């Protein structure tokens, strides 16, 4: 039996997909995974801060109720993004992320087989740069993925005065 072996990027994105199944967002299920030296060091999914009620417990999405479009007014959302939670969870465990890779898989809620473009929002991109991560691998709607280099983001922002909208969620 000679089954094709998945690449490391596909392998880690598959794990991020499973992490995303824990998401408590009505709009998207997003899972994030941080790998350093070929070892998983942290995970995160979209969900309310610890010990608070999430959207599922409330029974509604506040941003939906207020008719706020995707990619806007994140400060009104009760959830913490998957990327943020992965970075926070690493900090809680005292784990360095320098030189690590982040894998982000997004899908329609309740349907992990329906991937979405899981590009980080502007706020998450800033956190990713400051965390010292190297590569970001994101799921795409066609079932593939895109790889971004964090140093290229920082260089582009230096030249463009931090104006970015090319590959951003929403």
Protein backbone atom coordinates (compact mmCIF):
# COMPACT_ATOMS: atom_id res chain seq x y z
CA UNK A 1 0.00 0.00 0.00
CA UNK A 2 1.56 3.26 -1.14
CA UNK A 3 -0.50 6.19 0.17
CA UNK A 4 0.80 9.65 -0.61
CA UNK A 5 2.24 11.31 2.46
CA UNK A 6 0.89 14.79 3.27
CA UNK A 7 3.33 17.66 3.56
CA UNK A 8 4.17 19.14 6.98
CA UNK A 9 2.12 22.23 6.12
CA UNK A 10 -0.93 20.06 5.27
CA UNK A 11 -0.38 17.99 8.42
CA UNK A 12 -0.28 21.00 10.74
CA UNK A 13 -3.19 22.71 8.96
CA UNK A 14 -5.21 19.54 9.53
CA UNK A 15 -4.52 19.76 13.25
CA UNK A 16 -5.46 23.48 13.20
CA UNK A 17 -8.75 22.47 11.55
CA UNK A 18 -9.50 20.14 14.48
CA UNK A 19 -8.57 22.85 16.99
CA UNK A 20 -11.01 25.18 15.21
CA UNK A 21 -13.86 22.76 15.90
CA UNK A 22 -13.80 24.10 19.49
CA UNK A 23 -14.66 27.63 18.28
CA UNK A 24 -17.67 29.33 19.82
CA UNK A 25 -18.28 31.87 17.04
CA UNK A 26 -21.46 31.84 14.94
CA UNK A 27 -19.66 33.39 11.95
CA UNK A 28 -16.49 31.32 11.57
CA UNK A 29 -14.65 28.39 13.09
CA UNK A 30 -10.96 29.23 13.25
CA UNK A 31 -8.16 27.18 14.75
CA UNK A 32 -4.55 28.20 15.15
CA UNK A 33 -1.47 26.19 15.88
CA UNK A 34 2.09 27.35 16.57
CA UNK A 35 4.98 25.06 15.71
CA UNK A 36 8.59 25.64 16.70
CA UNK A 37 11.43 23.29 15.79
CA UNK A 38 8.86 20.85 14.34
CA UNK A 39 7.01 20.62 17.67
CA UNK A 40 3.55 21.96 18.48
CA UNK A 41 4.01 24.54 21.24
CA UNK A 42 0.58 26.19 21.39
CA UNK A 43 -2.96 26.13 20.03
CA UNK A 44 -5.88 28.53 20.05
CA UNK A 45 -9.40 28.82 18.74
CA UNK A 46 -11.99 31.59 18.53
CA UNK A 47 -13.71 31.92 21.87
CA UNK A 48 -14.65 34.22 24.71
CA UNK A 49 -12.09 35.03 27.40
CA UNK A 50 -11.69 32.39 30.09
CA UNK A 51 -14.47 32.23 32.68
CA UNK A 52 -16.84 34.41 30.60
CA UNK A 53 -19.90 33.49 28.54
CA UNK A 54 -19.37 32.93 24.82
CA UNK A 55 -21.73 33.63 21.92
CA UNK A 56 -23.10 30.07 21.97
CA UNK A 57 -24.05 30.45 25.64
CA UNK A 58 -25.66 33.83 24.91
CA UNK A 59 -27.45 32.31 21.92
CA UNK A 60 -26.54 35.06 19.48
CA UNK A 61 -23.69 36.99 17.88
CA UNK A 62 -23.67 40.62 18.94
CA UNK A 63 -22.04 41.76 15.69
CA UNK A 64 -24.74 39.93 13.68
CA UNK A 65 -27.43 41.53 15.83
CA UNK A 66 -25.91 44.97 15.09
CA UNK A 67 -25.49 44.13 11.34
CA UNK A 68 -21.73 44.70 11.45
CA UNK A 69 -19.96 43.32 8.34
CA UNK A 70 -17.15 40.76 8.56
CA UNK A 71 -13.76 42.32 9.21
CA UNK A 72 -15.10 45.39 11.02
CA UNK A 73 -15.56 46.55 14.62
CA UNK A 74 -13.80 43.61 16.30
CA UNK A 75 -13.90 45.49 19.59
CA UNK A 76 -17.63 44.68 19.78
CA UNK A 77 -17.03 40.93 19.51
CA UNK A 78 -16.99 38.91 22.73
CA UNK A 79 -14.47 36.44 21.24
CA UNK A 80 -10.69 36.41 21.22
CA UNK A 81 -9.25 35.41 17.84
CA UNK A 82 -7.58 32.02 17.41
CA UNK A 83 -4.21 33.62 16.61
CA UNK A 84 -4.40 35.76 19.74
CA UNK A 85 -5.34 32.77 21.89
CA UNK A 86 -2.43 30.71 20.53
CA UNK A 87 0.01 33.52 21.38
CA UNK A 88 -1.59 34.06 24.81
CA UNK A 89 -1.55 30.32 25.60
CA UNK A 90 2.15 30.14 24.76
CA UNK A 91 2.82 33.09 27.09
CA UNK A 92 0.83 31.43 29.89
CA UNK A 93 3.05 28.35 29.50
CA UNK A 94 6.28 30.38 29.29
CA UNK A 95 7.02 29.19 25.74
CA UNK A 96 9.05 31.30 23.32
CA UNK A 97 7.59 31.69 19.83
CA UNK A 98 10.68 33.22 18.22
CA UNK A 99 11.21 31.70 14.79
CA UNK A 100 8.05 29.59 14.98
CA UNK A 101 5.38 29.03 12.36
CA UNK A 102 1.66 29.64 12.80
CA UNK A 103 -0.98 27.55 11.03
CA UNK A 104 -4.48 28.99 10.73
CA UNK A 105 -7.44 27.02 9.44
CA UNK A 106 -10.85 28.58 9.01
CA UNK A 107 -14.17 27.06 8.02
CA UNK A 108 -17.88 27.66 8.06
CA UNK A 109 -19.25 26.94 11.55
CA UNK A 110 -20.22 23.30 11.91
CA UNK A 111 -18.68 22.36 8.55
CA UNK A 112 -14.90 21.88 8.75
CA UNK A 113 -15.03 20.56 5.16
CA UNK A 114 -15.92 24.08 3.92
CA UNK A 115 -12.68 26.07 4.31
CA UNK A 116 -12.49 29.86 4.22
CA UNK A 117 -9.62 32.26 3.67
CA UNK A 118 -8.17 32.32 7.17
CA UNK A 119 -5.98 35.40 6.82
CA UNK A 120 -5.21 37.21 10.08
CA UNK A 121 -6.90 40.53 10.77
CA UNK A 122 -4.84 43.67 11.14
CA UNK A 123 -4.69 43.42 14.95
CA UNK A 124 -3.56 39.77 14.83
CA UNK A 125 -0.90 40.59 12.24
CA UNK A 126 0.61 43.15 14.61
CA UNK A 127 0.66 40.59 17.43
CA UNK A 128 2.21 37.95 15.14
CA UNK A 129 5.00 40.35 14.13
CA UNK A 130 5.74 41.25 17.75
CA UNK A 131 5.67 37.58 18.85
CA UNK A 132 8.64 36.91 16.54
CA UNK A 133 6.95 34.28 14.37
CA UNK A 134 8.52 33.45 11.00
CA UNK A 135 5.89 31.95 8.68
CA UNK A 136 2.11 32.01 8.66
CA UNK A 137 0.26 29.25 6.75
CA UNK A 138 -3.41 30.00 6.10
CA UNK A 139 -6.23 27.89 4.69
CA UNK A 140 -7.94 29.17 1.52
CA UNK A 141 -11.46 28.69 0.16
CA UNK A 142 -10.20 26.36 -2.60
CA UNK A 143 -8.97 23.82 -0.02
CA UNK A 144 -5.34 24.86 -0.40
CA UNK A 145 -3.22 27.25 1.61
CA UNK A 146 -1.09 30.38 1.33
CA UNK A 147 2.23 30.91 3.09
CA UNK A 148 3.24 34.36 4.31
CA UNK A 149 6.62 35.49 5.64
CA UNK A 150 6.28 37.75 8.67
CA UNK A 151 9.45 39.68 7.82
CA UNK A 152 7.87 40.56 4.45
CA UNK A 153 4.81 41.95 6.24
CA UNK A 154 7.01 44.11 8.46
CA UNK A 155 9.06 45.34 5.48
CA UNK A 156 5.94 46.19 3.47
CA UNK A 157 4.44 48.04 6.44
CA UNK A 158 7.66 50.04 6.97
CA UNK A 159 7.42 51.23 3.38
CA UNK A 160 3.62 51.60 3.24
CA UNK A 161 3.33 53.24 6.67
CA UNK A 162 1.42 50.23 8.07
CA UNK A 163 -1.33 50.39 5.47
CA UNK A 164 -2.38 46.86 4.59
CA UNK A 165 -5.42 45.27 3.04
CA UNK A 166 -4.15 42.78 0.49
CA UNK A 167 -4.55 39.54 2.45
CA UNK A 168 -6.68 40.41 5.43
CA UNK A 169 -9.71 38.64 6.77
CA UNK A 170 -13.01 40.32 5.95
